[in-house]
Amino acid sequence: MSIHKPRGTNDILPDQVAAWHNLEKTVQAVAGEYGYREIRTPIFEHTELFARGVGEHTDIVEKEMYTFLDRGSSSLTLRPEGTAPIVRAFVENGLYNQVLPCKVYYLGPMFRYDRPQAGRYRQFHQFGVEALGSADPLLDAEMIKMADEVCRRLGITQREMHINSLGCRGCRPAYIQKLRQHLQGRLAALCDNCRARFDRNPLRVLDCKNEACRRETADSPAPVDSLCADCAAHFAAVLNGLQALELQYVVDMRLVRGLDYYTLTAFEIMVSEIGAQSSIGGGGRYDRLVEECGGPATPGVGFAFGLERLLLAREQQAAVNAEPSGLEVFIAALAAADRIPALQLAAQLREQGISVELDFLGRSLKAQMKFAGKIGARLVVIIGGEEATRDAVVVRDMRAAKQQELQRSELAGFLVETLEQ
């Protein structure tokens, strides 16, 4: 009986890894340009962190977390998202005593027991950034611009930025009461999930993807119409910042995000080509989360992208070209007696920082050349034959489809110079 990977997980095969490396280098480069440094947190945390930080009545906490008891009977959870662990690390390590804002990014696997679909898996990968210690609305605007820049740098051209304001703990209760009054007479037409959310988390009703629910809530009051003066001024400043940055956006009253810690600004990037679940990433402000996790009052703002969603969006928009294999040189041995010299030459070239591959299946020269083409070698060095008696080799440029004879003493310098072109 064969053993298969768990549902909702993926093997990232060697032919796919180059695209992942390209993606990871791109997002890390953007983060660095904006002044963010990497932080790494554990893959599992105490369950209380997510129950308190993400929200007990969110879908993540109620339905989607991978939670288990360890041998000491402590309840632990594989991290379903990245912000709460960053805030926990910020508080536990006293980073609030250092220079603020604290600007960090993270990159790694997350886990949610969700229904697998295109670009959404039970083990998935996120890139996220967090800025802790500033309530400036222009930081929100720069954060949104940064998220948009990630997409632009990756060649995701058909995208739409959606933004909303969820208000603060002062003005949000009045809005929620207004929303409940509006929905009260429509409960029978809503789906089971929305009826369950009505009392516990009515904002999530606005985010339902069920078409019947969307029709029933189409004329619901908008959060931005119930903002207090301070929240309205903050949102206006964010929009002014986006306009100054010449960033197009859509104010979307349905945008509420799925986590309870959001306050004020919330945003998502939508790409329609990837299906009904069109969000590839998003974020917003969470000015009370540090306090919820036991730290001092500290505002924060951040966003995260699902890497699988980014890759899917690139693929749908034909933004991904064939990734180079990264292999620079293949050494082909003409005869069995040439295999040891080939092995030695490979070691010498690798000391020069050149990536090299050899044949280990005893192929003919013709088969070796075909193999070199399949694995994307830029140059092939043929060793052996008459050239060996002259201490020479033949170098074939696979791109230019031409070859030349070189002395062994000239080879390393020639390869380095050619590969730099």
Protein backbone atom coordinates (compact mmCIF):
# COMPACT_ATOMS: atom_id res chain seq x y z
CA MET A 1 0.00 0.00 0.00
CA SER A 2 1.46 3.33 -1.05
CA ILE A 3 1.44 6.33 1.30
CA HIS A 4 0.17 9.65 -0.07
CA LYS A 5 0.71 13.19 1.14
CA PRO A 6 -2.02 14.55 3.44
CA ARG A 7 -4.91 16.34 1.76
CA GLY A 8 -4.26 20.05 1.35
CA THR A 9 -0.47 19.73 1.23
CA ASN A 10 1.91 19.89 -1.71
CA ASP A 11 5.31 18.59 -2.71
CA ILE A 12 7.33 21.44 -4.24
CA LEU A 13 9.34 19.53 -6.83
CA PRO A 14 12.79 20.48 -8.16
CA ASP A 15 11.36 21.86 -11.42
CA GLN A 16 9.11 24.19 -9.37
CA VAL A 17 11.62 25.38 -6.79
CA ALA A 18 13.28 27.95 -9.07
CA ALA A 19 9.98 29.86 -9.31
CA TRP A 20 9.72 29.80 -5.50
CA HIS A 21 13.27 31.08 -5.12
CA ASN A 22 12.53 33.91 -7.56
CA LEU A 23 9.39 34.82 -5.64
CA GLU A 24 11.10 34.70 -2.23
CA LYS A 25 14.04 36.81 -3.42
CA THR A 26 11.66 39.38 -4.85
CA VAL A 27 9.56 39.83 -1.71
CA GLN A 28 12.67 39.93 0.48
CA ALA A 29 14.21 42.58 -1.76
CA VAL A 30 11.10 44.76 -1.53
CA ALA A 31 11.01 44.36 2.26
CA GLY A 32 14.65 45.39 2.52
CA GLU A 33 14.11 48.47 0.36
CA TYR A 34 11.37 49.60 2.75
CA GLY A 35 13.55 49.08 5.82
CA TYR A 36 12.14 45.78 7.13
CA ARG A 37 14.34 43.10 8.70
CA GLU A 38 13.58 39.39 8.91
CA ILE A 39 12.21 37.77 12.07
CA ARG A 40 11.66 34.03 12.61
CA THR A 41 9.19 32.63 15.14
CA PRO A 42 8.27 29.05 16.12
CA ILE A 43 5.98 27.05 13.85
CA PHE A 44 3.80 26.21 16.87
CA GLU A 45 2.67 28.47 19.71
CA HIS A 46 0.49 28.20 22.80
CA THR A 47 -3.14 27.96 21.66
CA GLU A 48 -4.10 30.86 23.91
CA LEU A 49 -2.12 33.25 21.72
CA PHE A 50 -4.42 32.71 18.75
CA ALA A 51 -7.63 32.43 20.78
CA ARG A 52 -6.88 35.77 22.43
CA GLY A 53 -5.22 37.54 19.52
CA VAL A 54 -7.06 36.30 16.43
CA GLY A 55 -10.46 36.04 18.17
CA GLU A 56 -12.39 33.16 19.74
CA HIS A 57 -15.30 33.51 17.32
CA THR A 58 -13.33 33.68 14.09
CA ASP A 59 -13.47 30.82 11.59
CA ILE A 60 -9.75 30.28 12.11
CA VAL A 61 -10.03 29.63 15.84
CA GLU A 62 -13.38 27.81 15.76
CA LYS A 63 -12.83 25.56 12.73
CA GLU A 64 -9.39 25.71 11.16
CA MET A 65 -6.58 25.41 13.71
CA TYR A 66 -4.35 22.36 14.09
CA THR A 67 -4.30 22.09 17.89
CA PHE A 68 -2.82 19.31 20.00
CA LEU A 69 -1.69 18.49 23.53
CA ASP A 70 2.02 17.87 23.98
CA ARG A 71 3.42 15.34 26.46
CA GLY A 72 3.22 17.95 29.19
CA SER A 73 -0.52 18.44 28.48
CA SER A 74 0.06 21.96 27.14
CA SER A 75 -2.29 22.98 24.32
CA LEU A 76 -0.23 23.96 21.29
CA THR A 77 -1.29 25.11 17.83
CA LEU A 78 0.50 25.10 14.49
CA ARG A 79 0.52 28.77 13.55
CA PRO A 80 -2.46 29.63 11.29
CA GLU A 81 -1.22 33.18 10.62
CA GLY A 82 1.85 35.29 11.26
CA THR A 83 0.85 38.50 13.03
CA ALA A 84 0.01 37.14 16.49
CA PRO A 85 3.38 35.30 16.80
CA ILE A 86 5.22 38.48 15.76
CA VAL A 87 3.37 40.47 18.41
CA ARG A 88 4.11 37.78 21.00
CA ALA A 89 7.82 37.97 20.12
CA PHE A 90 7.67 41.79 20.23
CA VAL A 91 6.28 41.70 23.77
CA GLU A 92 8.27 38.75 25.13
CA ASN A 93 11.61 40.09 23.91
CA GLY A 94 10.97 43.70 24.93
CA LEU A 95 11.32 45.04 21.40
CA TYR A 96 9.06 47.93 22.44
CA ASN A 97 12.07 49.28 24.36
CA GLN A 98 14.10 49.54 21.16
CA VAL A 99 13.90 52.04 18.31
CA LEU A 100 10.33 52.35 17.02
CA PRO A 101 8.64 51.65 14.76
CA CYS A 102 9.86 48.07 14.85
CA LYS A 103 9.72 46.95 11.20
CA VAL A 104 10.01 43.22 10.52
CA TYR A 105 9.07 40.68 7.87
CA TYR A 106 8.55 36.92 7.98
CA LEU A 107 8.48 34.10 5.46
CA GLY A 108 7.36 30.56 6.16
CA PRO A 109 4.67 27.88 6.41
CA MET A 110 1.26 28.34 8.05
CA PHE A 111 -1.44 25.73 8.76
CA ARG A 112 -5.24 25.82 8.54
CA TYR A 113 -7.73 22.98 8.30
CA ASP A 114 -9.58 24.54 5.37
CA ARG A 115 -11.22 23.22 2.21
CA PRO A 116 -8.40 22.92 -0.35
CA GLN A 117 -8.92 24.90 -3.56
CA ALA A 118 -6.87 26.72 -6.17
CA GLY A 119 -3.94 28.38 -4.42
CA ARG A 120 -5.31 27.57 -0.93
CA TYR A 121 -3.95 24.64 1.03
CA ARG A 122 -3.88 23.30 4.58
CA GLN A 123 -0.16 23.87 4.70
CA PHE A 124 0.57 27.10 2.89
CA HIS A 125 3.29 29.73 2.90
CA GLN A 126 3.10 33.40 3.79
CA PHE A 127 5.24 36.46 3.34
CA GLY A 128 4.23 39.20 5.74
CA VAL A 129 5.45 42.50 7.14
CA GLU A 130 4.62 44.20 10.44
CA ALA A 131 5.37 47.73 11.66
CA LEU A 132 4.84 48.21 15.40
CA GLY A 133 4.99 51.52 17.24
CA SER A 134 3.40 54.13 14.96
CA ALA A 135 -0.20 55.24 14.49
CA ASP A 136 0.66 57.50 11.53
CA PRO A 137 -1.87 57.04 8.68
CA LEU A 138 0.93 57.70 6.20
CA LEU A 139 2.53 54.46 7.43
CA ASP A 140 -0.71 52.71 6.42
CA ALA A 141 -0.45 54.32 2.98
CA GLU A 142 3.21 53.29 2.61
CA MET A 143 2.33 49.76 3.73
CA ILE A 144 -0.37 49.52 1.06
CA LYS A 145 2.04 50.90 -1.53
CA MET A 146 4.59 48.28 -0.48
CA ALA A 147 2.07 45.47 -0.97
CA ASP A 148 1.23 46.86 -4.40
CA GLU A 149 4.94 47.09 -5.23
CA VAL A 150 5.36 43.38 -4.48
CA CYS A 151 2.70 42.63 -7.10
CA ARG A 152 4.18 45.05 -9.61
CA ARG A 153 7.66 43.58 -9.16
CA LEU A 154 6.27 40.09 -9.73
CA GLY A 155 4.53 41.10 -12.95
CA ILE A 156 0.98 40.79 -11.59
CA THR A 157 -0.48 43.63 -13.61
CA GLN A 158 -4.23 42.93 -13.44
CA ARG A 159 -4.86 43.67 -9.78
CA GLU A 160 -7.23 45.85 -7.78
CA MET A 161 -6.59 47.39 -4.36
CA HIS A 162 -9.64 47.32 -2.05
CA ILE A 163 -9.65 49.38 1.14
CA ASN A 164 -12.01 50.06 4.02
CA SER A 165 -11.96 51.41 7.58
CA LEU A 166 -13.41 49.32 10.39
CA GLY A 167 -13.30 52.08 12.98
CA CYS A 168 -12.07 51.79 16.54
CA ARG A 169 -13.47 50.22 19.71
CA GLY A 170 -15.21 53.49 20.37
CA CYS A 171 -17.26 53.79 17.19
CA ARG A 172 -17.49 50.19 16.02
CA PRO A 173 -20.12 49.03 18.56
CA ALA A 174 -22.59 51.61 17.23
CA TYR A 175 -21.98 50.40 13.69
CA ILE A 176 -22.41 46.76 14.68
CA GLN A 177 -25.72 47.61 16.34
CA LYS A 178 -26.85 49.41 13.18
CA LEU A 179 -25.79 46.41 11.07
CA ARG A 180 -27.68 43.97 13.33
CA GLN A 181 -30.84 46.06 13.06
CA HIS A 182 -30.50 46.06 9.28
CA LEU A 183 -30.01 42.28 9.11
CA GLN A 184 -32.62 41.31 11.71
CA GLY A 185 -35.50 40.94 9.26
CA ARG A 186 -33.36 39.13 6.68
CA LEU A 187 -31.95 36.29 8.78
CA ALA A 188 -34.20 33.67 7.19
CA ALA A 189 -32.66 34.41 3.77
CA LEU A 190 -29.06 34.13 5.00
CA CYS A 191 -26.95 30.96 4.98
CA ASP A 192 -26.38 28.91 8.14
CA ASN A 193 -22.90 30.42 8.66
CA CYS A 194 -24.21 33.97 8.48
CA ARG A 195 -27.04 33.23 10.89
CA ALA A 196 -24.49 31.83 13.33
CA ARG A 197 -22.32 34.93 12.86
CA PHE A 198 -25.21 37.33 13.43
CA ASP A 199 -24.83 37.37 17.22
CA ARG A 200 -21.16 36.57 17.59
CA ASN A 201 -19.42 38.35 14.70
CA PRO A 202 -21.90 40.19 12.46
CA LEU A 203 -19.18 41.97 10.47
CA ARG A 204 -18.31 38.64 8.89
CA VAL A 205 -21.76 38.49 7.30
CA LEU A 206 -20.61 41.22 4.91
CA ASP A 207 -17.73 39.02 3.76
CA CYS A 208 -19.84 35.96 2.91
CA LYS A 209 -19.32 34.67 -0.65
CA ASN A 210 -22.78 33.06 -0.86
CA GLU A 211 -24.66 34.85 -3.65
CA ALA A 212 -27.96 34.88 -1.75
CA CYS A 213 -26.27 36.45 1.27
CA ARG A 214 -24.54 39.03 -0.92
CA ARG A 215 -27.88 40.06 -2.40
CA GLU A 216 -29.48 40.38 1.03
CA THR A 217 -26.60 42.50 2.36
CA ALA A 218 -26.05 44.65 -0.73
CA ASP A 219 -27.74 47.69 0.85
CA SER A 220 -26.23 47.22 4.33
CA PRO A 221 -24.86 50.32 6.06
CA ALA A 222 -21.19 50.94 5.32
CA PRO A 223 -18.62 50.98 8.15
CA VAL A 224 -17.09 54.24 6.86
CA ASP A 225 -20.41 56.02 7.41
CA SER A 226 -20.28 55.32 11.15
CA LEU A 227 -16.71 56.37 11.89
CA CYS A 228 -15.99 58.74 14.75
CA ALA A 229 -14.21 62.01 13.94
CA ASP A 230 -10.74 60.62 14.72
CA CYS A 231 -11.26 57.45 12.65
CA ALA A 232 -12.73 59.45 9.76
CA ALA A 233 -9.72 61.78 9.82
CA HIS A 234 -7.35 58.79 9.89
CA PHE A 235 -9.06 57.17 6.90
CA ALA A 236 -9.05 60.45 4.94
CA ALA A 237 -5.31 60.80 5.61
CA VAL A 238 -4.67 57.25 4.38
CA LEU A 239 -6.58 57.94 1.16
CA ASN A 240 -4.73 61.23 0.70
CA GLY A 241 -1.47 59.34 1.08
CA LEU A 242 -2.50 56.78 -1.54
CA GLN A 243 -3.47 59.58 -3.92
CA ALA A 244 -0.10 61.24 -3.36
CA LEU A 245 1.54 57.91 -4.22
CA GLU A 246 -0.68 57.71 -7.34
CA LEU A 247 -2.08 54.37 -6.25
CA GLN A 248 -5.52 53.44 -7.55
CA TYR A 249 -7.94 51.94 -5.01
CA VAL A 250 -11.58 50.97 -4.44
CA VAL A 251 -13.36 51.74 -1.16
CA ASP A 252 -15.08 48.44 -0.44
CA MET A 253 -17.63 48.41 2.39
CA ARG A 254 -17.73 44.58 2.38
CA LEU A 255 -14.04 44.35 3.23
CA VAL A 256 -13.88 43.38 6.90
CA ARG A 257 -11.05 40.77 6.98
CA GLY A 258 -11.39 37.52 8.91
CA LEU A 259 -9.50 38.35 12.09
CA ASP A 260 -10.88 40.20 15.11
CA TYR A 261 -7.73 42.22 15.82
CA TYR A 262 -8.16 44.65 12.92
CA THR A 263 -8.98 48.30 13.66
CA LEU A 264 -9.23 51.27 11.31
CA THR A 265 -7.55 50.50 7.96
CA ALA A 266 -8.17 47.16 6.23
CA PHE A 267 -7.12 46.33 2.68
CA GLU A 268 -6.86 43.46 0.21
CA ILE A 269 -5.42 42.96 -3.26
CA MET A 270 -7.82 41.24 -5.63
CA VAL A 271 -6.93 39.31 -8.80
CA SER A 272 -10.07 38.13 -10.58
CA GLU A 273 -8.27 35.58 -12.79
CA ILE A 274 -7.68 33.17 -9.89
CA GLY A 275 -11.37 32.50 -9.21
CA ALA A 276 -14.06 33.38 -6.69
CA GLN A 277 -11.56 33.54 -3.83
CA SER A 278 -9.79 36.39 -5.58
CA SER A 279 -7.77 37.87 -2.71
CA ILE A 280 -4.05 37.16 -2.96
CA GLY A 281 -3.12 39.10 0.16
CA GLY A 282 -4.06 41.90 2.48
CA GLY A 283 -3.78 43.38 5.91
CA GLY A 284 -4.49 46.43 7.97
CA ARG A 285 -4.07 48.13 11.31
CA TYR A 286 -4.29 46.37 14.69
CA ASP A 287 -3.78 49.03 17.36
CA ARG A 288 -4.95 46.92 20.36
CA LEU A 289 -3.28 43.58 19.64
CA VAL A 290 -0.06 44.26 21.57
CA GLU A 291 -2.12 45.04 24.67
CA GLU A 292 -4.20 41.88 24.14
CA CYS A 293 -0.95 39.91 24.19
CA GLY A 294 0.21 41.48 27.47
CA GLY A 295 2.34 44.35 26.18
CA PRO A 296 2.12 48.13 26.47
CA ALA A 297 -0.26 50.14 24.30
CA THR A 298 1.43 49.97 20.90
CA PRO A 299 -0.17 50.58 17.49
CA GLY A 300 0.62 48.26 14.61
CA VAL A 301 -0.05 47.73 10.93
CA GLY A 302 0.91 44.95 8.53
CA PHE A 303 -0.02 42.71 5.63
CA ALA A 304 0.59 39.20 4.36
CA PHE A 305 0.56 37.41 1.02
CA GLY A 306 -0.07 33.73 0.43
CA LEU A 307 2.89 32.64 -1.70
CA GLU A 308 0.82 29.96 -3.44
CA ARG A 309 -1.72 32.66 -4.34
CA LEU A 310 1.02 34.90 -5.71
CA LEU A 311 2.38 32.07 -7.84
CA LEU A 312 -1.10 31.26 -9.13
CA ALA A 313 -1.73 34.91 -10.03
CA ARG A 314 1.58 35.09 -11.90
CA GLU A 315 0.73 31.92 -13.77
CA GLN A 316 -2.77 33.12 -14.70
CA GLN A 317 -1.40 36.41 -15.98
CA ALA A 318 1.42 34.69 -17.89
CA ALA A 319 3.93 36.65 -15.84
CA VAL A 320 6.18 33.65 -15.28
CA ASN A 321 8.67 32.69 -17.93
CA ALA A 322 10.61 29.45 -17.82
CA GLU A 323 12.97 29.74 -14.90
CA PRO A 324 16.62 29.05 -15.64
CA SER A 325 17.93 25.90 -14.00
CA GLY A 326 20.88 27.76 -12.50
CA LEU A 327 23.24 25.09 -13.91
CA GLU A 328 26.17 26.73 -15.65
CA VAL A 329 28.42 23.89 -16.85
CA PHE A 330 27.98 20.22 -17.73
CA ILE A 331 31.14 18.11 -18.14
CA ALA A 332 30.83 15.31 -20.69
CA ALA A 333 33.38 12.47 -20.55
CA LEU A 334 34.12 10.78 -23.87
CA ALA A 335 35.24 7.46 -22.40
CA ALA A 336 35.32 5.59 -19.12
CA ALA A 337 38.97 6.57 -18.65
CA ASP A 338 37.93 10.25 -18.78
CA ARG A 339 35.50 10.05 -15.85
CA ILE A 340 38.12 10.60 -13.09
CA PRO A 341 39.59 13.66 -14.90
CA ALA A 342 36.02 14.93 -15.34
CA LEU A 343 35.35 14.49 -11.61
CA GLN A 344 38.55 16.37 -10.78
CA LEU A 345 37.72 19.18 -13.21
CA ALA A 346 34.24 19.55 -11.72
CA ALA A 347 35.72 19.98 -8.24
CA GLN A 348 38.18 22.61 -9.52
CA LEU A 349 35.45 24.61 -11.27
CA ARG A 350 33.18 24.51 -8.23
CA GLU A 351 36.01 26.06 -6.22
CA GLN A 352 35.71 28.97 -8.67
CA GLY A 353 32.01 29.34 -7.79
CA ILE A 354 30.76 27.68 -11.00
CA SER A 355 27.82 25.26 -10.80
CA VAL A 356 28.72 21.96 -12.48
CA GLU A 357 26.98 18.68 -13.23
CA LEU A 358 28.41 15.34 -14.43
CA ASP A 359 27.04 12.17 -15.99
CA PHE A 360 26.71 9.28 -13.55
CA LEU A 361 24.79 6.85 -15.78
CA GLY A 362 27.50 5.95 -18.30
CA ARG A 363 25.70 7.66 -21.21
CA SER A 364 27.18 8.04 -24.68
CA LEU A 365 28.44 11.49 -25.71
CA LYS A 366 25.28 12.05 -27.77
CA ALA A 367 23.09 11.11 -24.80
CA GLN A 368 25.15 13.31 -22.48
CA MET A 369 24.69 16.30 -24.78
CA LYS A 370 20.94 15.67 -24.90
CA PHE A 371 20.85 15.41 -21.11
CA ALA A 372 22.81 18.67 -20.76
CA GLY A 373 20.18 20.40 -22.88
CA LYS A 374 17.32 18.99 -20.81
CA ILE A 375 18.78 20.22 -17.53
CA GLY A 376 19.47 23.68 -18.95
CA ALA A 377 23.27 23.72 -18.87
CA ARG A 378 24.68 26.93 -20.34
CA LEU A 379 28.02 25.42 -21.41
CA VAL A 380 29.26 21.88 -21.98
CA VAL A 381 32.91 20.95 -21.49
CA ILE A 382 33.85 17.78 -23.42
CA ILE A 383 36.87 16.05 -21.96
CA GLY A 384 38.87 13.21 -23.53
CA GLY A 385 39.82 12.07 -27.04
CA GLU A 386 42.56 13.67 -29.15
CA GLU A 387 42.17 16.98 -27.30
CA ALA A 388 43.32 15.31 -24.07
CA THR A 389 46.71 14.50 -25.64
CA ARG A 390 47.16 18.26 -26.17
CA ASP A 391 45.94 19.04 -22.62
CA ALA A 392 42.90 20.67 -24.21
CA VAL A 393 39.09 20.39 -23.98
CA VAL A 394 36.17 21.32 -26.21
CA VAL A 395 33.66 23.88 -24.88
CA ARG A 396 30.22 24.07 -26.48
CA ASP A 397 27.99 27.09 -25.94
CA MET A 398 24.47 25.63 -25.83
CA ARG A 399 22.81 28.99 -26.45
CA ALA A 400 24.94 30.02 -29.42
CA ALA A 401 25.20 26.43 -30.73
CA LYS A 402 28.94 26.77 -31.40
CA GLN A 403 32.05 25.23 -29.88
CA GLN A 404 35.79 25.79 -29.62
CA GLU A 405 38.92 24.10 -28.33
CA LEU A 406 40.68 25.55 -25.29
CA GLN A 407 43.79 24.69 -23.30
CA ARG A 408 43.00 23.41 -19.81
CA SER A 409 44.95 26.32 -18.34
CA GLU A 410 42.59 28.77 -20.10
CA LEU A 411 39.35 27.00 -19.23
CA ALA A 412 38.41 28.46 -15.82
CA GLY A 413 39.02 32.06 -16.90
CA PHE A 414 37.07 31.54 -20.13
CA LEU A 415 34.11 30.00 -18.32
CA VAL A 416 33.92 32.76 -15.71
CA GLU A 417 34.11 35.47 -18.39
CA THR A 418 31.49 33.79 -20.59
CA LEU A 419 29.08 33.17 -17.75
CA GLU A 420 29.24 36.83 -16.70
CA GLN A 421 27.97 37.94 -20.12
